[in-house]
Amino acid sequence: MTNKLIEICDVKREEVARRKAAITVSTLHARAAEQTPPRGFRKALDDAARSGFGLIAEIKKASPSKGLIRPDFDPPAHAQAYAAGGAACLSVLTDEPYFQGHDDYLMAARSACALPVLRKDFMVDPWQVLESRSLGADAILIIVAALDDGQMAEIEDAALGLGMDALIEVHDAQELERAMKLRSRLIGVNNRDLRDFTVDFARTYELVGQAPEGCTFVAESGIGSHADLTAMADHGVRCFLVGETLMRQADVEAATRNLLTGR
């Protein structure tokens, strides 16, 4: 785990402790019961990939490394633009300290369209999964580098038990091996080296070749053009998570369509 990831997870644990003290589990269960059922995150990706590309379009206001990405930030409008542009799913940043995210952004984005939504946050406690479902999330992210095997399994169990999907993020072969101990076969490969932040698509190609059949691979980070998508497809990857590239465009719908079709 990098120093930055350790720092983020430490801050997140403190945040979760405060949140737990402020709301009861029974209240979260009641709110989760009021939500519409999970929309089928992996299924939406797989369905889109069969006839083209499965895009997880990310609603992202800022990042620790790039600062403010989208000054005129409007989650419902971005969600509708992504849907109209052909995205299969959404990812919404809810981490506040490092990404200027908010729970409200997820709820607003999901209400604005029919796409399944991933809560993009740092899961360190199974309690967060119930919280995510109470917000309407259809899927959660599990970062292998941030957790031990037992923690990952607990968080995954909580998600699957609520009918949600879990996107398991890996960075190398060792993390992929650990991910294969879980039940989820939705695997995100981060193309960015967290040590020096360089992007290398070969990382994804290598890991895809090492995984058993039946996995849906999602390439993350550094993807900026239709040519990148077609290059990935040549190596068997047809699902992608793209955020900053699209969030920086004036016309998000047109940029999404161009990314997916080249037109």
Protein backbone atom coordinates (compact mmCIF):
# COMPACT_ATOMS: atom_id res chain seq x y z
CA MET A 1 0.00 0.00 0.00
CA THR A 2 1.31 3.45 -0.90
CA ASN A 3 1.68 6.13 1.75
CA LYS A 4 -1.17 8.13 0.19
CA LEU A 5 -3.53 5.13 0.21
CA ILE A 6 -2.61 4.40 3.84
CA GLU A 7 -3.36 8.03 4.72
CA ILE A 8 -6.69 8.02 2.88
CA CYS A 9 -7.80 4.77 4.53
CA ASP A 10 -6.83 6.03 7.99
CA VAL A 11 -8.90 9.16 7.45
CA LYS A 12 -11.75 7.04 6.10
CA ARG A 13 -11.80 4.82 9.21
CA GLU A 14 -12.13 7.92 11.39
CA GLU A 15 -14.94 9.17 9.16
CA VAL A 16 -16.77 5.83 9.32
CA ALA A 17 -16.52 5.84 13.13
CA ARG A 18 -18.18 9.27 13.21
CA ARG A 19 -20.89 8.19 10.79
CA LYS A 20 -21.63 5.02 12.77
CA ALA A 21 -22.14 7.12 15.88
CA ALA A 22 -24.57 9.41 14.07
CA ILE A 23 -26.99 6.85 12.59
CA THR A 24 -28.30 3.44 13.58
CA VAL A 25 -28.03 0.31 11.46
CA SER A 26 -31.81 -0.06 11.60
CA THR A 27 -32.18 3.40 10.06
CA LEU A 28 -29.80 2.45 7.25
CA HIS A 29 -31.76 -0.77 6.64
CA ALA A 30 -34.97 1.23 6.46
CA ARG A 31 -33.47 3.67 3.96
CA ALA A 32 -32.05 0.83 1.89
CA ALA A 33 -35.49 -0.80 1.78
CA GLU A 34 -36.93 2.42 0.36
CA GLN A 35 -34.51 2.38 -2.58
CA THR A 36 -35.38 0.79 -5.90
CA PRO A 37 -33.64 -2.61 -6.29
CA PRO A 38 -30.03 -2.74 -7.54
CA ARG A 39 -29.95 -2.18 -11.29
CA GLY A 40 -27.45 -4.88 -12.23
CA PHE A 41 -24.08 -3.19 -12.66
CA ARG A 42 -22.05 -6.06 -14.12
CA LYS A 43 -24.93 -7.20 -16.33
CA ALA A 44 -25.20 -3.72 -17.85
CA LEU A 45 -21.47 -3.74 -18.63
CA ASP A 46 -21.54 -7.23 -20.12
CA ASP A 47 -24.61 -6.45 -22.22
CA ALA A 48 -22.99 -3.30 -23.63
CA ALA A 49 -19.68 -5.05 -24.28
CA ARG A 50 -21.34 -7.76 -26.37
CA SER A 51 -22.24 -5.24 -29.05
CA GLY A 52 -19.53 -2.63 -28.50
CA PHE A 53 -17.91 -1.29 -25.34
CA GLY A 54 -19.05 -1.23 -21.73
CA LEU A 55 -18.27 2.22 -20.37
CA ILE A 56 -18.38 3.21 -16.71
CA ALA A 57 -18.49 7.00 -16.96
CA GLU A 58 -17.28 8.74 -13.84
CA ILE A 59 -18.75 11.81 -12.19
CA LYS A 60 -15.72 13.37 -10.58
CA LYS A 61 -15.30 16.93 -9.36
CA ALA A 62 -11.66 16.84 -8.23
CA SER A 63 -8.73 14.62 -7.33
CA PRO A 64 -5.74 14.91 -4.96
CA SER A 65 -3.26 15.01 -7.83
CA LYS A 66 -5.16 17.22 -10.32
CA GLY A 67 -7.16 19.48 -8.03
CA LEU A 68 -10.45 20.82 -9.36
CA ILE A 69 -11.42 19.04 -12.58
CA ARG A 70 -14.91 20.38 -13.26
CA PRO A 71 -15.73 23.89 -11.98
CA ASP A 72 -19.35 23.82 -13.26
CA PHE A 73 -20.06 20.54 -11.50
CA ASP A 74 -23.64 19.29 -11.96
CA PRO A 75 -24.09 15.57 -11.17
CA PRO A 76 -27.64 15.17 -12.55
CA ALA A 77 -26.72 16.91 -15.81
CA HIS A 78 -23.52 14.88 -16.14
CA ALA A 79 -25.44 11.65 -15.48
CA GLN A 80 -27.97 12.46 -18.20
CA ALA A 81 -25.20 13.44 -20.62
CA TYR A 82 -23.33 10.20 -20.00
CA ALA A 83 -26.50 8.15 -20.48
CA ALA A 84 -27.36 9.96 -23.71
CA GLY A 85 -23.79 9.49 -24.93
CA GLY A 86 -23.98 5.72 -24.54
CA ALA A 87 -22.41 4.91 -21.16
CA ALA A 88 -23.47 1.59 -19.63
CA CYS A 89 -22.92 2.56 -15.99
CA LEU A 90 -21.93 5.48 -13.79
CA SER A 91 -19.27 5.86 -11.13
CA VAL A 92 -19.75 8.66 -8.61
CA LEU A 93 -17.05 9.88 -6.22
CA THR A 94 -18.42 10.33 -2.71
CA ASP A 95 -15.15 10.81 -0.79
CA GLU A 96 -15.09 14.37 0.51
CA PRO A 97 -11.61 14.99 2.01
CA TYR A 98 -9.60 14.02 -1.07
CA PHE A 99 -11.99 14.13 -4.06
CA GLN A 100 -14.52 16.82 -3.06
CA GLY A 101 -17.23 14.20 -3.45
CA HIS A 102 -20.50 13.89 -1.56
CA ASP A 103 -23.21 11.31 -0.92
CA ASP A 104 -25.75 13.72 -2.40
CA TYR A 105 -23.96 13.56 -5.75
CA LEU A 106 -24.58 9.83 -5.98
CA MET A 107 -28.25 10.12 -5.07
CA ALA A 108 -28.77 12.99 -7.53
CA ALA A 109 -27.00 11.19 -10.37
CA ARG A 110 -28.91 7.94 -9.87
CA SER A 111 -32.23 9.78 -9.74
CA ALA A 112 -31.44 11.57 -12.99
CA CYS A 113 -31.04 8.46 -15.17
CA ALA A 114 -31.65 4.71 -15.39
CA LEU A 115 -28.01 3.60 -15.36
CA PRO A 116 -26.53 1.43 -12.58
CA VAL A 117 -24.27 3.44 -10.26
CA LEU A 118 -21.00 2.52 -8.55
CA ARG A 119 -20.22 4.29 -5.29
CA LYS A 120 -16.56 5.24 -5.80
CA ASP A 121 -15.16 5.51 -2.30
CA PHE A 122 -12.69 3.77 -0.03
CA MET A 123 -14.38 0.77 1.57
CA VAL A 124 -12.74 -0.12 4.89
CA ASP A 125 -15.76 -1.47 6.80
CA PRO A 126 -18.76 -3.65 5.81
CA TRP A 127 -20.97 -0.99 7.43
CA GLN A 128 -20.20 1.26 4.44
CA VAL A 129 -21.85 -1.24 2.10
CA LEU A 130 -25.22 -0.92 3.82
CA GLU A 131 -24.72 2.83 3.84
CA SER A 132 -24.01 2.71 0.09
CA ARG A 133 -27.22 0.77 -0.59
CA SER A 134 -29.16 3.24 1.57
CA LEU A 135 -27.91 5.96 -0.78
CA GLY A 136 -29.07 3.96 -3.81
CA ALA A 137 -25.72 2.58 -4.97
CA ASP A 138 -25.89 -0.51 -7.18
CA ALA A 139 -22.22 -1.45 -6.76
CA ILE A 140 -19.24 -0.72 -4.55
CA LEU A 141 -15.47 -0.67 -5.07
CA ILE A 142 -13.07 -2.97 -3.25
CA ILE A 143 -9.41 -1.92 -3.57
CA VAL A 144 -7.30 -5.01 -2.96
CA ALA A 145 -4.24 -2.95 -1.97
CA ALA A 146 -6.18 -1.33 0.87
CA LEU A 147 -7.47 -4.47 2.63
CA ASP A 148 -6.46 -7.89 3.87
CA ASP A 149 -8.21 -11.02 2.57
CA GLY A 150 -10.60 -11.23 5.51
CA GLN A 151 -11.66 -7.59 5.19
CA MET A 152 -12.24 -7.98 1.46
CA ALA A 153 -14.40 -11.06 1.97
CA GLU A 154 -16.51 -9.33 4.64
CA ILE A 155 -17.13 -6.30 2.46
CA GLU A 156 -17.91 -8.45 -0.59
CA ASP A 157 -20.30 -10.63 1.42
CA ALA A 158 -22.14 -7.52 2.58
CA ALA A 159 -22.50 -6.27 -1.01
CA LEU A 160 -23.63 -9.56 -2.51
CA GLY A 161 -26.04 -10.07 0.37
CA LEU A 162 -27.76 -6.81 -0.60
CA GLY A 163 -27.93 -7.76 -4.28
CA MET A 164 -25.15 -5.34 -5.23
CA ASP A 165 -22.11 -5.90 -7.42
CA ALA A 166 -18.51 -5.44 -6.26
CA LEU A 167 -15.81 -4.10 -8.57
CA ILE A 168 -12.49 -5.52 -7.36
CA GLU A 169 -9.57 -3.22 -8.20
CA VAL A 170 -6.10 -4.72 -8.69
CA HIS A 171 -2.74 -3.34 -9.77
CA ASP A 172 -0.54 -6.41 -10.23
CA ALA A 173 -0.45 -10.21 -10.46
CA GLN A 174 -0.23 -10.70 -6.70
CA GLU A 175 -3.35 -8.62 -6.14
CA LEU A 176 -5.16 -10.48 -8.93
CA GLU A 177 -4.35 -13.77 -7.22
CA ARG A 178 -5.87 -12.42 -4.00
CA ALA A 179 -8.91 -11.14 -5.89
CA MET A 180 -9.55 -14.61 -7.27
CA LYS A 181 -10.24 -15.82 -3.72
CA LEU A 182 -13.39 -13.70 -3.78
CA ARG A 183 -16.66 -14.61 -5.48
CA SER A 184 -16.94 -11.50 -7.64
CA ARG A 185 -15.56 -11.78 -11.15
CA LEU A 186 -15.78 -8.09 -11.99
CA ILE A 187 -12.14 -7.04 -11.98
CA GLY A 188 -10.85 -3.50 -12.43
CA VAL A 189 -7.23 -3.17 -13.51
CA ASN A 190 -5.68 0.19 -12.72
CA ASN A 191 -3.30 1.06 -15.56
CA ARG A 192 -1.60 3.65 -13.36
CA ASP A 193 1.43 2.70 -11.29
CA LEU A 194 0.67 4.13 -7.85
CA ARG A 195 4.37 4.53 -7.12
CA ASP A 196 5.17 6.94 -9.95
CA PHE A 197 1.71 7.53 -11.52
CA THR A 198 2.84 6.45 -14.99
CA VAL A 199 0.22 4.75 -17.19
CA ASP A 200 0.95 1.47 -18.94
CA PHE A 201 -1.78 -0.48 -20.75
CA ALA A 202 0.53 -3.51 -20.82
CA ARG A 203 -0.34 -3.99 -17.15
CA THR A 204 -3.94 -4.76 -18.12
CA TYR A 205 -2.98 -7.00 -21.04
CA GLU A 206 -0.68 -9.04 -18.80
CA LEU A 207 -3.25 -9.57 -16.06
CA VAL A 208 -6.05 -10.47 -18.46
CA GLY A 209 -3.87 -13.28 -19.75
CA GLN A 210 -3.37 -14.63 -16.23
CA ALA A 211 -7.00 -14.71 -15.12
CA PRO A 212 -9.38 -17.65 -15.43
CA GLU A 213 -12.31 -17.51 -17.84
CA GLY A 214 -15.51 -15.91 -16.69
CA CYS A 215 -14.09 -12.57 -15.57
CA THR A 216 -15.29 -9.19 -16.74
CA PHE A 217 -12.25 -6.91 -16.88
CA VAL A 218 -12.54 -3.14 -16.55
CA ALA A 219 -9.54 -1.05 -17.59
CA GLU A 220 -9.10 2.01 -15.37
CA SER A 221 -6.94 5.16 -15.66
CA GLY A 222 -5.25 6.83 -18.59
CA ILE A 223 -7.89 6.05 -21.22
CA GLY A 224 -8.57 9.06 -23.40
CA SER A 225 -9.59 8.10 -26.92
CA HIS A 226 -11.51 5.64 -29.08
CA ALA A 227 -8.13 4.34 -30.28
CA ASP A 228 -7.33 3.38 -26.67
CA LEU A 229 -10.57 1.40 -26.52
CA THR A 230 -9.92 -0.46 -29.77
CA ALA A 231 -6.35 -1.26 -28.67
CA MET A 232 -7.70 -2.73 -25.44
CA ALA A 233 -10.35 -4.69 -27.33
CA ASP A 234 -7.62 -6.34 -29.39
CA HIS A 235 -6.41 -7.83 -26.09
CA GLY A 236 -9.86 -8.95 -24.95
CA VAL A 237 -10.83 -5.97 -22.79
CA ARG A 238 -14.12 -4.32 -23.72
CA CYS A 239 -15.07 -2.52 -20.49
CA PHE A 240 -13.58 0.73 -19.24
CA LEU A 241 -13.83 3.31 -16.49
CA VAL A 242 -13.20 6.85 -17.72
CA GLY A 243 -13.60 10.00 -15.68
CA GLU A 244 -11.25 12.94 -15.99
CA THR A 245 -11.02 12.82 -19.80
CA LEU A 246 -14.78 13.21 -20.12
CA MET A 247 -15.30 15.56 -17.20
CA ARG A 248 -12.95 18.11 -18.76
CA GLN A 249 -15.00 18.35 -21.98
CA ALA A 250 -17.45 21.18 -22.61
CA ASP A 251 -19.93 18.79 -24.27
CA VAL A 252 -19.90 15.68 -22.11
CA GLU A 253 -22.52 13.83 -24.16
CA ALA A 254 -20.67 14.36 -27.45
CA ALA A 255 -17.33 13.45 -25.85
CA THR A 256 -18.81 10.23 -24.47
CA ARG A 257 -20.25 9.29 -27.85
CA ASN A 258 -16.94 10.05 -29.58
CA LEU A 259 -15.02 7.93 -27.08
CA LEU A 260 -17.30 4.97 -27.71
CA THR A 261 -17.74 5.28 -31.48
CA GLY A 262 -14.87 7.41 -32.79
CA ARG A 263 -17.44 9.75 -34.30
